[in-house]
Structure formats: C-alpha cells, structure tokens
C-alpha atoms as a PDB file:
ATOM      1  CA  UNK A   1      58.066  23.013  68.613  1.00  0.00           C
ATOM      2  CA  UNK A   2      57.879  23.773  72.310  1.00  0.00           C
ATOM      3  CA  UNK A   3      57.998  27.515  71.581  1.00  0.00           C
ATOM      4  CA  UNK A   4      55.127  27.213  69.125  1.00  0.00           C
ATOM      5  CA  UNK A   5      53.036  25.534  71.797  1.00  0.00           C
ATOM      6  CA  UNK A   6      53.725  28.301  74.320  1.00  0.00           C
ATOM      7  CA  UNK A   7      52.963  30.974  71.761  1.00  0.00           C
ATOM      8  CA  UNK A   8      49.748  29.217  70.748  1.00  0.00           C
ATOM      9  CA  UNK A   9      48.662  29.038  74.396  1.00  0.00           C
ATOM     10  CA  UNK A  10      49.434  32.737  74.758  1.00  0.00           C
ATOM     11  CA  UNK A  11      47.280  33.639  71.747  1.00  0.00           C
ATOM     12  CA  UNK A  12      44.475  31.343  72.871  1.00  0.00           C
ATOM     13  CA  UNK A  13      44.385  32.847  76.368  1.00  0.00           C
ATOM     14  CA  UNK A  14      44.762  36.475  75.318  1.00  0.00           C
ATOM     15  CA  UNK A  15      42.247  36.122  72.477  1.00  0.00           C
ATOM     16  CA  UNK A  16      39.822  34.359  74.788  1.00  0.00           C
ATOM     17  CA  UNK A  17      40.214  37.114  77.361  1.00  0.00           C
ATOM     18  CA  UNK A  18      39.585  39.853  74.809  1.00  0.00           C
ATOM     19  CA  UNK A  19      36.524  37.947  73.614  1.00  0.00           C
ATOM     20  CA  UNK A  20      35.094  37.447  77.118  1.00  0.00           C
ATOM     21  CA  UNK A  21      35.632  41.019  78.290  1.00  0.00           C
ATOM     22  CA  UNK A  22      34.378  42.536  75.048  1.00  0.00           C
ATOM     23  CA  UNK A  23      31.296  40.320  75.016  1.00  0.00           C
ATOM     24  CA  UNK A  24      30.658  41.301  78.632  1.00  0.00           C
ATOM     25  CA  UNK A  25      30.954  44.971  77.671  1.00  0.00           C
ATOM     26  CA  UNK A  26      28.434  44.447  74.869  1.00  0.00           C
ATOM     27  CA  UNK A  27      25.994  42.648  77.167  1.00  0.00           C
ATOM     28  CA  UNK A  28      26.181  45.313  79.864  1.00  0.00           C
ATOM     29  CA  UNK A  29      26.049  48.194  77.370  1.00  0.00           C
ATOM     30  CA  UNK A  30      29.277  49.584  78.791  1.00  0.00           C
ATOM     31  CA  UNK A  31      30.849  52.650  77.273  1.00  0.00           C
ATOM     32  CA  UNK A  32      34.099  52.054  75.390  1.00  0.00           C
ATOM     33  CA  UNK A  33      37.056  52.653  77.688  1.00  0.00           C
ATOM     34  CA  UNK A  34      38.876  55.956  77.331  1.00  0.00           C
ATOM     35  CA  UNK A  35      42.018  55.277  75.391  1.00  0.00           C
ATOM     36  CA  UNK A  36      44.965  57.299  74.131  1.00  0.00           C
ATOM     37  CA  UNK A  37      44.795  55.304  70.891  1.00  0.00           C
ATOM     38  CA  UNK A  38      43.625  57.514  68.057  1.00  0.00           C
ATOM     39  CA  UNK A  39      42.256  54.575  66.068  1.00  0.00           C
ATOM     40  CA  UNK A  40      40.195  53.072  68.885  1.00  0.00           C
ATOM     41  CA  UNK A  41      38.888  56.462  69.987  1.00  0.00           C
ATOM     42  CA  UNK A  42      37.923  57.454  66.453  1.00  0.00           C
ATOM     43  CA  UNK A  43      36.272  54.088  65.850  1.00  0.00           C
ATOM     44  CA  UNK A  44      34.215  54.405  69.040  1.00  0.00           C
ATOM     45  CA  UNK A  45      33.164  57.959  68.190  1.00  0.00           C
ATOM     46  CA  UNK A  46      32.291  57.101  64.593  1.00  0.00           C
ATOM     47  CA  UNK A  47      30.137  54.138  65.630  1.00  0.00           C
ATOM     48  CA  UNK A  48      28.443  56.199  68.321  1.00  0.00           C
ATOM     49  CA  UNK A  49      27.695  58.993  65.824  1.00  0.00           C
ATOM     50  CA  UNK A  50      26.438  56.598  63.146  1.00  0.00           C
ATOM     51  CA  UNK A  51      24.352  54.222  65.262  1.00  0.00           C
ATOM     52  CA  UNK A  52      23.550  56.176  68.386  1.00  0.00           C
ATOM     53  CA  UNK A  53      24.933  55.853  71.870  1.00  0.00           C
ATOM     54  CA  UNK A  54      23.971  52.351  73.036  1.00  0.00           C
ATOM     55  CA  UNK A  55      24.033  50.679  69.619  1.00  0.00           C
ATOM     56  CA  UNK A  56      27.412  52.176  68.705  1.00  0.00           C
ATOM     57  CA  UNK A  57      28.884  50.923  71.981  1.00  0.00           C
ATOM     58  CA  UNK A  58      27.510  47.433  71.398  1.00  0.00           C
ATOM     59  CA  UNK A  59      28.923  47.264  67.873  1.00  0.00           C
ATOM     60  CA  UNK A  60      32.278  48.548  69.152  1.00  0.00           C
ATOM     61  CA  UNK A  61      32.456  45.777  71.744  1.00  0.00           C
ATOM     62  CA  UNK A  62      31.247  43.151  69.272  1.00  0.00           C
ATOM     63  CA  UNK A  63      33.985  44.104  66.807  1.00  0.00           C
ATOM     64  CA  UNK A  64      36.616  43.621  69.516  1.00  0.00           C
ATOM     65  CA  UNK A  65      34.952  40.372  70.607  1.00  0.00           C
ATOM     66  CA  UNK A  66      35.162  39.094  67.036  1.00  0.00           C
ATOM     67  CA  UNK A  67      38.838  40.030  66.848  1.00  0.00           C
ATOM     68  CA  UNK A  68      39.517  38.262  70.156  1.00  0.00           C
ATOM     69  CA  UNK A  69      37.639  35.154  69.052  1.00  0.00           C
ATOM     70  CA  UNK A  70      39.655  35.057  65.836  1.00  0.00           C
ATOM     71  CA  UNK A  71      42.951  35.294  67.701  1.00  0.00           C
ATOM     72  CA  UNK A  72      41.848  32.561  70.130  1.00  0.00           C
ATOM     73  CA  UNK A  73      40.764  30.380  67.207  1.00  0.00           C
ATOM     74  CA  UNK A  74      44.202  30.701  65.604  1.00  0.00           C
ATOM     75  CA  UNK A  75      45.854  29.738  68.889  1.00  0.00           C
ATOM     76  CA  UNK A  76      43.626  26.686  69.328  1.00  0.00           C
ATOM     77  CA  UNK A  77      44.193  25.711  65.725  1.00  0.00           C
ATOM     78  CA  UNK A  78      47.970  25.764  66.184  1.00  0.00           C
ATOM     79  CA  UNK A  79      47.614  23.718  69.384  1.00  0.00           C
ATOM     80  CA  UNK A  80      45.565  21.102  67.548  1.00  0.00           C
ATOM     81  CA  UNK A  81      48.110  20.932  64.741  1.00  0.00           C
ATOM     82  CA  UNK A  82      50.929  20.562  67.276  1.00  0.00           C
ATOM     83  CA  UNK A  83      49.057  17.760  69.022  1.00  0.00           C
ATOM     84  CA  UNK A  84      48.449  15.913  65.757  1.00  0.00           C
ATOM     85  CA  UNK A  85      52.136  16.180  64.835  1.00  0.00           C
ATOM     86  CA  UNK A  86      53.163  14.780  68.212  1.00  0.00           C
ATOM     87  CA  UNK A  87      50.794  11.838  67.733  1.00  0.00           C
ATOM     88  CA  UNK A  88      52.384  11.086  64.375  1.00  0.00           C
ATOM     89  CA  UNK A  89      55.817  11.099  65.961  1.00  0.00           C
ATOM     90  CA  UNK A  90      57.348  14.071  64.174  1.00  0.00           C
END
C-alpha cells in the first residue's frame, strides 16, 4: 500500500499544480501557451474562434483547471481511503 500512497500524493500534487496555474491563467487572461500538441492547439483556436479572444482563453484555462482539480480530488480520495484502512488495521 506504500506505493499507492506515493502515487496518490503524486496525483494530488500534480493535479493541484495544474489547477493553480490554470486558474491563475484564467484570472490574468493569459493566452494559452504555444504547444506542439495538436489537440491543445486546436482546442485553444476553436474556443478563441467561437467565444472571442479573451473569453476563449478563459474557458481554455478553466477547462484545464477543472481537469487538474479532478485529478487532485482523485489523489486526495485515495489518500483518505488509505488512511481509513490503516486506522482499521488492514
């Protein structure tokens, strides 16, 4: 179970980091970073074309913030489950 705890911490920290930096990008109206990823680039361009420049950027960052929060939530959830199992003596 030690490996599960380390992996859960990893997901919690990485997901939390993605959430914080993406939320900061949305608050500061930052442009999406240039990326070689076809999916991310196309998503940023499609949102910018559909919603306009600042609104498309905000939605782009909020989508990534939501993804990061979900990953962090899963990590915290696994940590809680691990803690409850240790309390029960398993």
